[in-house]
PDB file of N, CA and C in Angstrom:
ATOM      1  N   MET A   1      72.314  73.375 100.721  1.00  0.00           N
ATOM      2  CA  MET A   1      74.159  73.657 101.082  1.00  0.00           C
ATOM      3  C   MET A   1      74.450  75.341 101.121  1.00  0.00           C
ATOM      4  N   GLN A   2      75.217  75.543 101.964  1.00  0.00           N
ATOM      5  CA  GLN A   2      75.528  76.659 102.318  1.00  0.00           C
ATOM      6  C   GLN A   2      76.584  77.441 101.488  1.00  0.00           C
ATOM      7  N   ILE A   3      76.654  78.556 100.867  1.00  0.00           N
ATOM      8  CA  ILE A   3      77.344  79.036 100.050  1.00  0.00           C
ATOM      9  C   ILE A   3      78.526  79.865 100.836  1.00  0.00           C
ATOM     10  N   ILE A   4      79.890  79.567 100.836  1.00  0.00           N
ATOM     11  CA  ILE A   4      80.952  80.139 101.344  1.00  0.00           C
ATOM     12  C   ILE A   4      81.540  81.312 100.734  1.00  0.00           C
ATOM     13  N   GLN A   5      81.195  82.240 101.665  1.00  0.00           N
ATOM     14  CA  GLN A   5      81.942  83.611 101.320  1.00  0.00           C
ATOM     15  C   GLN A   5      83.125  83.592 101.634  1.00  0.00           C
ATOM     16  N   ARG A   6      83.912  84.612 100.709  1.00  0.00           N
ATOM     17  CA  ARG A   6      85.428  84.588 101.020  1.00  0.00           C
ATOM     18  C   ARG A   6      85.593  86.416 101.651  1.00  0.00           C
ATOM     19  N   TYR A   7      85.778  86.439 102.711  1.00  0.00           N
ATOM     20  CA  TYR A   7      86.241  87.832 103.205  1.00  0.00           C
ATOM     21  C   TYR A   7      87.813  88.267 103.275  1.00  0.00           C
ATOM     22  N   MET A   8      88.003  90.140 103.413  1.00  0.00           N
ATOM     23  CA  MET A   8      89.060  90.447 103.589  1.00  0.00           C
ATOM     24  C   MET A   8      88.843  90.911 105.365  1.00  0.00           C
ATOM     25  N   MET A   9      89.564  90.213 106.264  1.00  0.00           N
ATOM     26  CA  MET A   9      89.483  91.008 107.559  1.00  0.00           C
ATOM     27  C   MET A   9      90.720  91.638 107.863  1.00  0.00           C
ATOM     28  N   THR A  10      90.338  92.785 108.377  1.00  0.00           N
ATOM     29  CA  THR A  10      91.608  93.965 108.250  1.00  0.00           C
ATOM     30  C   THR A  10      91.439  94.486 109.682  1.00  0.00           C
ATOM     31  N   ILE A  11      92.254  94.647 110.453  1.00  0.00           N
ATOM     32  CA  ILE A  11      92.276  95.006 112.035  1.00  0.00           C
ATOM     33  C   ILE A  11      93.858  96.380 112.005  1.00  0.00           C
ATOM     34  N   HIS A  12      93.159  96.975 112.536  1.00  0.00           N
ATOM     35  CA  HIS A  12      93.620  98.600 113.027  1.00  0.00           C
ATOM     36  C   HIS A  12      94.172  98.949 114.585  1.00  0.00           C
ATOM     37  N   ASP A  13      94.840  99.601 114.407  1.00  0.00           N
ATOM     38  CA  ASP A  13      95.189 100.133 115.934  1.00  0.00           C
ATOM     39  C   ASP A  13      95.490  99.619 116.877  1.00  0.00           C
ATOM     40  N   VAL A  14      96.026  98.198 116.703  1.00  0.00           N
ATOM     41  CA  VAL A  14      96.387  97.122 117.873  1.00  0.00           C
ATOM     42  C   VAL A  14      97.614  97.242 118.719  1.00  0.00           C
ATOM     43  N   PHE A  15      97.509  98.860 119.753  1.00  0.00           N
ATOM     44  CA  PHE A  15      98.681  98.867 120.314  1.00  0.00           C
ATOM     45  C   PHE A  15      97.963  99.701 121.426  1.00  0.00           C
ATOM     46  N   THR A  16      99.003  99.888 122.565  1.00  0.00           N
ATOM     47  CA  THR A  16      99.001 100.684 123.644  1.00  0.00           C
ATOM     48  C   THR A  16     100.218 101.393 123.906  1.00  0.00           C
ATOM     49  N   ILE A  17      99.773 102.677 124.456  1.00  0.00           N
ATOM     50  CA  ILE A  17     100.649 103.963 124.889  1.00  0.00           C
ATOM     51  C   ILE A  17     101.002 103.936 126.311  1.00  0.00           C
ATOM     52  N   THR A  18     102.059 103.631 126.967  1.00  0.00           N
ATOM     53  CA  THR A  18     102.934 103.916 127.862  1.00  0.00           C
ATOM     54  C   THR A  18     103.755 104.552 128.239  1.00  0.00           C
ATOM     55  N   ASP A  19     104.313 104.859 129.248  1.00  0.00           N
ATOM     56  CA  ASP A  19     105.481 105.920 129.378  1.00  0.00           C
ATOM     57  C   ASP A  19     106.967 105.425 128.997  1.00  0.00           C
ATOM     58  N   VAL A  20     106.838 104.055 128.577  1.00  0.00           N
ATOM     59  CA  VAL A  20     107.761 103.884 127.540  1.00  0.00           C
ATOM     60  C   VAL A  20     107.818 103.876 126.142  1.00  0.00           C
ATOM     61  N   GLY A  21     106.770 104.089 125.714  1.00  0.00           N
ATOM     62  CA  GLY A  21     106.466 104.015 124.186  1.00  0.00           C
ATOM     63  C   GLY A  21     105.280 103.126 123.790  1.00  0.00           C
ATOM     64  N   ILE A  22     105.164 103.151 122.817  1.00  0.00           N
ATOM     65  CA  ILE A  22     104.450 102.195 121.894  1.00  0.00           C
ATOM     66  C   ILE A  22     104.460 100.770 122.072  1.00  0.00           C
ATOM     67  N   CYS A  23     103.270 100.136 122.521  1.00  0.00           N
ATOM     68  CA  CYS A  23     103.261  98.749 123.097  1.00  0.00           C
ATOM     69  C   CYS A  23     102.668  97.500 122.094  1.00  0.00           C
ATOM     70  N   GLY A  24     102.769  96.468 121.694  1.00  0.00           N
ATOM     71  CA  GLY A  24     101.849  95.574 121.614  1.00  0.00           C
ATOM     72  C   GLY A  24     100.766  95.421 122.269  1.00  0.00           C
ATOM     73  N   ALA A  25      99.391  95.010 121.743  1.00  0.00           N
ATOM     74  CA  ALA A  25      98.180  94.526 122.851  1.00  0.00           C
ATOM     75  C   ALA A  25      97.870  93.579 122.339  1.00  0.00           C
ATOM     76  N   GLU A  26      96.887  92.673 122.785  1.00  0.00           N
ATOM     77  CA  GLU A  26      95.756  91.534 122.414  1.00  0.00           C
ATOM     78  C   GLU A  26      94.561  92.369 122.297  1.00  0.00           C
ATOM     79  N   THR A  27      93.855  92.123 121.407  1.00  0.00           N
ATOM     80  CA  THR A  27      92.644  92.275 120.820  1.00  0.00           C
ATOM     81  C   THR A  27      92.168  91.119 120.618  1.00  0.00           C
ATOM     82  N   GLU A  28      90.590  90.773 121.105  1.00  0.00           N
ATOM     83  CA  GLU A  28      89.732  90.094 120.603  1.00  0.00           C
ATOM     84  C   GLU A  28      88.465  90.107 119.844  1.00  0.00           C
ATOM     85  N   ILE A  29      87.966  89.501 119.046  1.00  0.00           N
ATOM     86  CA  ILE A  29      86.908  90.299 117.991  1.00  0.00           C
ATOM     87  C   ILE A  29      86.031  88.564 118.584  1.00  0.00           C
ATOM     88  N   ARG A  30      84.451  88.958 117.945  1.00  0.00           N
ATOM     89  CA  ARG A  30      83.651  88.139 117.926  1.00  0.00           C
ATOM     90  C   ARG A  30      83.102  88.385 116.260  1.00  0.00           C
ATOM     91  N   VAL A  31      83.575  86.626 115.840  1.00  0.00           N
ATOM     92  CA  VAL A  31      82.355  86.969 114.698  1.00  0.00           C
ATOM     93  C   VAL A  31      81.016  86.326 114.541  1.00  0.00           C
ATOM     94  N   LEU A  32      80.103  87.361 114.034  1.00  0.00           N
ATOM     95  CA  LEU A  32      78.455  86.992 113.997  1.00  0.00           C
ATOM     96  C   LEU A  32      77.841  86.998 112.783  1.00  0.00           C
ATOM     97  N   ASP A  33      77.213  85.761 112.889  1.00  0.00           N
ATOM     98  CA  ASP A  33      75.944  85.537 112.022  1.00  0.00           C
ATOM     99  C   ASP A  33      74.813  86.172 112.733  1.00  0.00           C
ATOM    100  N   GLY A  34      74.580  87.473 112.001  1.00  0.00           N
ATOM    101  CA  GLY A  34      73.133  87.964 112.682  1.00  0.00           C
ATOM    102  C   GLY A  34      73.394  88.328 114.545  1.00  0.00           C
ATOM    103  N   ALA A  35      72.925  87.891 114.946  1.00  0.00           N
ATOM    104  CA  ALA A  35      73.312  87.961 116.880  1.00  0.00           C
ATOM    105  C   ALA A  35      73.965  86.380 117.337  1.00  0.00           C
ATOM    106  N   ALA A  36      74.136  85.508 116.585  1.00  0.00           N
ATOM    107  CA  ALA A  36      74.869  83.957 116.834  1.00  0.00           C
ATOM    108  C   ALA A  36      76.051  84.326 117.018  1.00  0.00           C
ATOM    109  N   GLU A  37      76.932  84.280 117.845  1.00  0.00           N
ATOM    110  CA  GLU A  37      78.451  84.275 117.930  1.00  0.00           C
ATOM    111  C   GLU A  37      79.203  82.737 116.807  1.00  0.00           C
ATOM    112  N   VAL A  38      79.949  83.090 115.854  1.00  0.00           N
ATOM    113  CA  VAL A  38      80.355  82.026 114.974  1.00  0.00           C
ATOM    114  C   VAL A  38      81.765  81.782 115.602  1.00  0.00           C
ATOM    115  N   GLU A  39      82.285  82.586 116.197  1.00  0.00           N
ATOM    116  CA  GLU A  39      83.739  82.657 116.390  1.00  0.00           C
ATOM    117  C   GLU A  39      84.448  83.526 116.909  1.00  0.00           C
ATOM    118  N   ARG A  40      85.516  83.491 118.307  1.00  0.00           N
ATOM    119  CA  ARG A  40      86.423  84.219 118.339  1.00  0.00           C
ATOM    120  C   ARG A  40      87.490  84.611 118.186  1.00  0.00           C
ATOM    121  N   VAL A  41      88.267  85.600 117.288  1.00  0.00           N
ATOM    122  CA  VAL A  41      89.637  85.768 116.795  1.00  0.00           C
ATOM    123  C   VAL A  41      90.378  86.396 117.883  1.00  0.00           C
ATOM    124  N   LYS A  42      91.750  86.142 118.136  1.00  0.00           N
ATOM    125  CA  LYS A  42      92.095  86.952 119.071  1.00  0.00           C
ATOM    126  C   LYS A  42      93.679  87.304 118.360  1.00  0.00           C
ATOM    127  N   PHE A  43      93.705  88.631 118.226  1.00  0.00           N
ATOM    128  CA  PHE A  43      95.194  89.091 117.649  1.00  0.00           C
ATOM    129  C   PHE A  43      96.027  89.419 118.769  1.00  0.00           C
ATOM    130  N   SER A  44      96.835  89.319 118.672  1.00  0.00           N
ATOM    131  CA  SER A  44      97.652  90.285 119.750  1.00  0.00           C
ATOM    132  C   SER A  44      99.221  90.290 118.825  1.00  0.00           C
ATOM    133  N   GLY A  45      99.870  91.944 119.490  1.00  0.00           N
ATOM    134  CA  GLY A  45     101.162  92.050 118.500  1.00  0.00           C
ATOM    135  C   GLY A  45     100.789  93.630 118.526  1.00  0.00           C
ATOM    136  N   LYS A  46     101.715  94.318 117.806  1.00  0.00           N
ATOM    137  CA  LYS A  46     101.497  95.816 117.610  1.00  0.00           C
ATOM    138  C   LYS A  46     101.208  96.051 115.820  1.00  0.00           C
ATOM    139  N   CYS A  47     100.242  97.058 115.671  1.00  0.00           N
ATOM    140  CA  CYS A  47      99.787  96.919 114.243  1.00  0.00           C
ATOM    141  C   CYS A  47      99.135  98.396 114.339  1.00  0.00           C
ATOM    142  N   GLN A  48     100.111  99.387 113.737  1.00  0.00           N
ATOM    143  CA  GLN A  48      99.941 100.771 113.722  1.00  0.00           C
ATOM    144  C   GLN A  48      99.841 101.585 112.465  1.00  0.00           C
ATOM    145  N   SER A  49     100.078 100.219 111.236  1.00  0.00           N
ATOM    146  CA  SER A  49     100.251 100.794 109.749  1.00  0.00           C
ATOM    147  C   SER A  49      99.051 101.335 109.705  1.00  0.00           C
ATOM    148  N   GLU A  50      98.934 102.302 108.664  1.00  0.00           N
ATOM    149  CA  GLU A  50      97.704 103.016 108.211  1.00  0.00           C
ATOM    150  C   GLU A  50      96.647 102.246 107.420  1.00  0.00           C
ATOM    151  N   GLY A  51      97.379 101.194 106.805  1.00  0.00           N
ATOM    152  CA  GLY A  51      96.838  99.897 106.199  1.00  0.00           C
ATOM    153  C   GLY A  51      95.781  98.787 106.944  1.00  0.00           C
ATOM    154  N   GLY A  52      96.372  98.757 108.309  1.00  0.00           N
ATOM    155  CA  GLY A  52      96.095  97.892 108.877  1.00  0.00           C
ATOM    156  C   GLY A  52      96.722  96.259 108.590  1.00  0.00           C
ATOM    157  N   TYR A  53      96.479  95.202 109.223  1.00  0.00           N
ATOM    158  CA  TYR A  53      96.638  93.688 108.918  1.00  0.00           C
ATOM    159  C   TYR A  53      95.763  93.341 108.724  1.00  0.00           C
ATOM    160  N   SER A  54      95.571  92.417 107.239  1.00  0.00           N
ATOM    161  CA  SER A  54      94.798  91.877 106.251  1.00  0.00           C
ATOM    162  C   SER A  54      94.995  90.825 106.330  1.00  0.00           C
ATOM    163  N   ARG A  55      93.849  89.674 106.662  1.00  0.00           N
ATOM    164  CA  ARG A  55      93.779  88.331 106.356  1.00  0.00           C
ATOM    165  C   ARG A  55      92.671  87.733 105.815  1.00  0.00           C
ATOM    166  N   SER A  56      92.771  86.781 105.125  1.00  0.00           N
ATOM    167  CA  SER A  56      91.561  86.441 104.208  1.00  0.00           C
ATOM    168  C   SER A  56      90.764  85.518 105.602  1.00  0.00           C
ATOM    169  N   TYR A  57      89.281  85.689 105.403  1.00  0.00           N
ATOM    170  CA  TYR A  57      88.519  84.494 106.325  1.00  0.00           C
ATOM    171  C   TYR A  57      87.292  84.170 105.448  1.00  0.00           C
ATOM    172  N   HIS A  58      87.031  82.572 105.891  1.00  0.00           N
ATOM    173  CA  HIS A  58      86.033  82.396 104.968  1.00  0.00           C
ATOM    174  C   HIS A  58      84.800  82.068 106.047  1.00  0.00           C
ATOM    175  N   GLY A  59      83.661  81.887 105.412  1.00  0.00           N
ATOM    176  CA  GLY A  59      82.587  81.901 106.349  1.00  0.00           C
ATOM    177  C   GLY A  59      81.227  82.377 105.675  1.00  0.00           C
ATOM    178  N   THR A  60      79.922  82.008 106.145  1.00  0.00           N
ATOM    179  CA  THR A  60      78.660  82.344 105.226  1.00  0.00           C
ATOM    180  C   THR A  60      78.089  83.567 105.428  1.00  0.00           C
ATOM    181  N   HIS A  61      77.509  84.026 103.985  1.00  0.00           N
ATOM    182  CA  HIS A  61      77.057  85.323 103.532  1.00  0.00           C
ATOM    183  C   HIS A  61      76.952  85.760 104.579  1.00  0.00           C
ATOM    184  N   GLY A  62      77.157  87.104 104.827  1.00  0.00           N
ATOM    185  CA  GLY A  62      76.340  88.082 105.746  1.00  0.00           C
ATOM    186  C   GLY A  62      77.282  88.611 107.206  1.00  0.00           C
ATOM    187  N   LEU A  63      78.142  87.916 107.058  1.00  0.00           N
ATOM    188  CA  LEU A  63      79.016  87.949 108.473  1.00  0.00           C
ATOM    189  C   LEU A  63      79.234  89.204 108.894  1.00  0.00           C
ATOM    190  N   THR A  64      79.225  89.590 110.238  1.00  0.00           N
ATOM    191  CA  THR A  64      80.007  90.875 110.775  1.00  0.00           C
ATOM    192  C   THR A  64      80.948  90.617 112.121  1.00  0.00           C
ATOM    193  N   VAL A  65      81.652  91.769 112.424  1.00  0.00           N
ATOM    194  CA  VAL A  65      82.512  91.323 113.328  1.00  0.00           C
ATOM    195  C   VAL A  65      82.521  92.608 114.241  1.00  0.00           C
ATOM    196  N   VAL A  66      83.164  92.439 115.737  1.00  0.00           N
ATOM    197  CA  VAL A  66      82.842  93.514 116.509  1.00  0.00           C
ATOM    198  C   VAL A  66      83.949  92.940 117.843  1.00  0.00           C
ATOM    199  N   VAL A  67      84.844  94.218 118.391  1.00  0.00           N
ATOM    200  CA  VAL A  67      85.783  93.846 118.994  1.00  0.00           C
ATOM    201  C   VAL A  67      85.473  93.868 120.344  1.00  0.00           C
ATOM    202  N   VAL A  68      85.429  92.770 121.170  1.00  0.00           N
ATOM    203  CA  VAL A  68      84.799  92.943 122.523  1.00  0.00           C
ATOM    204  C   VAL A  68      85.877  92.948 123.708  1.00  0.00           C
ATOM    205  N   LYS A  69      87.149  92.810 123.310  1.00  0.00           N
ATOM    206  CA  LYS A  69      88.020  93.169 124.446  1.00  0.00           C
ATOM    207  C   LYS A  69      89.377  93.702 123.753  1.00  0.00           C
ATOM    208  N   GLY A  70      90.257  94.715 124.389  1.00  0.00           N
ATOM    209  CA  GLY A  70      91.260  95.145 123.716  1.00  0.00           C
ATOM    210  C   GLY A  70      91.257  96.580 122.843  1.00  0.00           C
ATOM    211  N   PRO A  71      92.403  96.932 122.316  1.00  0.00           N
ATOM    212  CA  PRO A  71      92.052  98.495 121.734  1.00  0.00           C
ATOM    213  C   PRO A  71      91.820  97.735 120.100  1.00  0.00           C
ATOM    214  N   GLY A  72      91.864  98.736 119.339  1.00  0.00           N
ATOM    215  CA  GLY A  72      91.904  98.508 117.709  1.00  0.00           C
ATOM    216  C   GLY A  72      90.054  98.460 117.160  1.00  0.00           C
ATOM    217  N   ARG A  73      89.923  98.041 115.997  1.00  0.00           N
ATOM    218  CA  ARG A  73      89.002  98.533 115.354  1.00  0.00           C
ATOM    219  C   ARG A  73      89.061  97.187 113.836  1.00  0.00           C
ATOM    220  N   VAL A  74      88.071  96.752 113.475  1.00  0.00           N
ATOM    221  CA  VAL A  74      88.213  95.482 112.672  1.00  0.00           C
ATOM    222  C   VAL A  74      87.081  95.833 111.630  1.00  0.00           C
ATOM    223  N   VAL A  75      87.535  95.326 110.589  1.00  0.00           N
ATOM    224  CA  VAL A  75      86.638  95.821 109.295  1.00  0.00           C
ATOM    225  C   VAL A  75      86.531  93.865 108.836  1.00  0.00           C
ATOM    226  N   LEU A  76      85.156  93.687 108.448  1.00  0.00           N
ATOM    227  CA  LEU A  76      85.280  92.612 107.793  1.00  0.00           C
ATOM    228  C   LEU A  76      84.715  93.236 106.421  1.00  0.00           C
ATOM    229  N   GLU A  77      85.222  92.595 105.261  1.00  0.00           N
ATOM    230  CA  GLU A  77      84.666  92.815 103.935  1.00  0.00           C
ATOM    231  C   GLU A  77      84.312  91.898 102.832  1.00  0.00           C
ATOM    232  N   PRO A  78      83.709  91.682 102.106  1.00  0.00           N
ATOM    233  CA  PRO A  78      83.292  90.526 101.189  1.00  0.00           C
ATOM    234  C   PRO A  78      84.586  90.538 100.242  1.00  0.00           C
ATOM    235  N   PHE A  79      85.250  90.062 100.003  1.00  0.00           N
ATOM    236  CA  PHE A  79      86.291  89.854  98.980  1.00  0.00           C
ATOM    237  C   PHE A  79      85.707  90.007  97.626  1.00  0.00           C
ATOM    238  N   ALA A  80      86.085  90.573  96.860  1.00  0.00           N
ATOM    239  CA  ALA A  80      85.898  90.852  95.424  1.00  0.00           C
ATOM    240  C   ALA A  80      86.847  90.247  94.417  1.00  0.00           C
ATOM    241  N   ALA A  81      86.814  89.263  93.644  1.00  0.00           N
ATOM    242  CA  ALA A  81      87.482  88.720  92.846  1.00  0.00           C
ATOM    243  C   ALA A  81      88.135  89.643  91.815  1.00  0.00           C
TER     244      ALA A  81
END
């Protein structure tokens, strides 16, 4: 039986700067269990707030994330109740 871990996924700095100003963008991330890809997640829109955009994510213990396409950065932290 696998234990399910709850995470808080927070994405920061999803935007582009053009000659008309700050615009939304699309970012794609990979969720990894070691070297194995578990899932790809896409975010689109504009996120430039200091706290970023957070959402809950459930998976096995020890997952990591990496941005594979687009601007921004993402943090995946185990959720402490």
